[in-house]
Amino acid sequence: MKITVQGKALEVPEGTTVTELLAIRKVDTPQFVTVSVNEEFLDPKEFPARVLAEGDVVEIIFFLSLTAPKG
């Protein structure tokens, strides 16, 4: 099935969940991302159960923390 991820078309298997999509996209730190599907932000607890559908538009937003060393 075709979905759009980060503005690009992607073919994924039917029944793919958000958690599985993060693995497909090789997201090493899923605890540091927020995901929206069709402009609806998901609670991370929903990732394993949220099944994607044909035509869904997914955005993965990565959180980075940049801190300067003290001293």
C-alpha atoms as a PDB file:
ATOM      1  CA  MET A   1       0.000   0.000   0.000  1.00  0.00           C
ATOM      2  CA  LYS A   2       1.176   3.541  -0.662  1.00  0.00           C
ATOM      3  CA  ILE A   3       1.547   6.164   2.035  1.00  0.00           C
ATOM      4  CA  THR A   4       3.427   9.461   2.166  1.00  0.00           C
ATOM      5  CA  VAL A   5       6.227   9.855   4.707  1.00  0.00           C
ATOM      6  CA  GLN A   6       8.061  13.146   5.088  1.00  0.00           C
ATOM      7  CA  GLY A   7       6.556  14.276   1.768  1.00  0.00           C
ATOM      8  CA  LYS A   8       7.727  11.229  -0.214  1.00  0.00           C
ATOM      9  CA  ALA A   9       5.729   8.249  -1.453  1.00  0.00           C
ATOM     10  CA  LEU A  10       6.539   4.970   0.284  1.00  0.00           C
ATOM     11  CA  GLU A  11       5.242   1.463  -0.333  1.00  0.00           C
ATOM     12  CA  VAL A  12       4.607  -0.499   2.877  1.00  0.00           C
ATOM     13  CA  PRO A  13       2.848  -3.804   3.581  1.00  0.00           C
ATOM     14  CA  GLU A  14      -0.878  -3.769   4.400  1.00  0.00           C
ATOM     15  CA  GLY A  15      -1.389  -3.641   8.163  1.00  0.00           C
ATOM     16  CA  THR A  16       1.818  -1.727   8.908  1.00  0.00           C
ATOM     17  CA  THR A  17       1.683   0.001  12.288  1.00  0.00           C
ATOM     18  CA  VAL A  18       3.418   3.230  13.235  1.00  0.00           C
ATOM     19  CA  THR A  19       5.914   1.229  15.315  1.00  0.00           C
ATOM     20  CA  GLU A  20       6.695  -0.956  12.294  1.00  0.00           C
ATOM     21  CA  LEU A  21       7.037   2.116  10.080  1.00  0.00           C
ATOM     22  CA  LEU A  22       9.592   3.576  12.482  1.00  0.00           C
ATOM     23  CA  ALA A  23      11.568   0.330  12.206  1.00  0.00           C
ATOM     24  CA  ILE A  24      11.273   0.374   8.393  1.00  0.00           C
ATOM     25  CA  ARG A  25      12.590   3.951   8.427  1.00  0.00           C
ATOM     26  CA  LYS A  26      15.421   2.827  10.750  1.00  0.00           C
ATOM     27  CA  VAL A  27      14.508   5.227  13.552  1.00  0.00           C
ATOM     28  CA  ASP A  28      16.971   4.172  16.258  1.00  0.00           C
ATOM     29  CA  THR A  29      15.420   6.292  19.008  1.00  0.00           C
ATOM     30  CA  PRO A  30      11.627   6.109  18.645  1.00  0.00           C
ATOM     31  CA  GLN A  31      11.286   7.437  22.187  1.00  0.00           C
ATOM     32  CA  PHE A  32      12.535  10.794  20.845  1.00  0.00           C
ATOM     33  CA  VAL A  33      10.036  11.270  18.012  1.00  0.00           C
ATOM     34  CA  THR A  34       6.543  12.561  17.598  1.00  0.00           C
ATOM     35  CA  VAL A  35       4.426  11.202  14.775  1.00  0.00           C
ATOM     36  CA  SER A  36       1.458  12.739  13.025  1.00  0.00           C
ATOM     37  CA  VAL A  37      -0.837  10.822  10.713  1.00  0.00           C
ATOM     38  CA  ASN A  38      -3.048  12.951   8.495  1.00  0.00           C
ATOM     39  CA  GLU A  39      -2.191  16.003  10.631  1.00  0.00           C
ATOM     40  CA  GLU A  40      -3.243  14.265  13.877  1.00  0.00           C
ATOM     41  CA  PHE A  41      -0.468  13.910  16.453  1.00  0.00           C
ATOM     42  CA  LEU A  42      -0.353  10.511  18.107  1.00  0.00           C
ATOM     43  CA  ASP A  43       0.447   9.616  21.681  1.00  0.00           C
ATOM     44  CA  PRO A  44       3.498   7.310  21.618  1.00  0.00           C
ATOM     45  CA  LYS A  45       1.382   4.691  23.417  1.00  0.00           C
ATOM     46  CA  GLU A  46      -0.728   4.498  20.236  1.00  0.00           C
ATOM     47  CA  PHE A  47       2.219   3.628  17.933  1.00  0.00           C
ATOM     48  CA  PRO A  48       1.980  -0.184  18.291  1.00  0.00           C
ATOM     49  CA  ALA A  49      -1.775  -0.297  17.670  1.00  0.00           C
ATOM     50  CA  ARG A  50      -2.134   2.465  15.053  1.00  0.00           C
ATOM     51  CA  VAL A  51      -2.443   0.696  11.704  1.00  0.00           C
ATOM     52  CA  LEU A  52      -1.686   2.841   8.688  1.00  0.00           C
ATOM     53  CA  ALA A  53      -4.047   2.958   5.710  1.00  0.00           C
ATOM     54  CA  GLU A  54      -3.658   3.551   1.995  1.00  0.00           C
ATOM     55  CA  GLY A  55      -3.054   7.244   1.340  1.00  0.00           C
ATOM     56  CA  ASP A  56      -2.088   8.185   4.901  1.00  0.00           C
ATOM     57  CA  VAL A  57       0.282  11.137   5.239  1.00  0.00           C
ATOM     58  CA  VAL A  58       2.855  10.595   7.984  1.00  0.00           C
ATOM     59  CA  GLU A  59       5.283  13.108   9.438  1.00  0.00           C
ATOM     60  CA  ILE A  60       8.016  12.010  11.845  1.00  0.00           C
ATOM     61  CA  ILE A  61       9.388  14.808  13.997  1.00  0.00           C
ATOM     62  CA  PHE A  62      12.705  14.190  15.741  1.00  0.00           C
ATOM     63  CA  PHE A  63      13.574  15.912  19.013  1.00  0.00           C
ATOM     64  CA  LEU A  64      17.200  16.827  19.553  1.00  0.00           C
ATOM     65  CA  SER A  65      18.792  18.222  22.651  1.00  0.00           C
ATOM     66  CA  LEU A  66      21.932  20.209  22.072  1.00  0.00           C
ATOM     67  CA  THR A  67      23.651  21.346  25.221  1.00  0.00           C
ATOM     68  CA  ALA A  68      26.984  22.999  25.549  1.00  0.00           C
ATOM     69  CA  PRO A  69      29.530  21.377  27.844  1.00  0.00           C
ATOM     70  CA  LYS A  70      29.940  23.107  31.191  1.00  0.00           C
ATOM     71  CA  GLY A  71      33.254  24.544  32.110  1.00  0.00           C
END
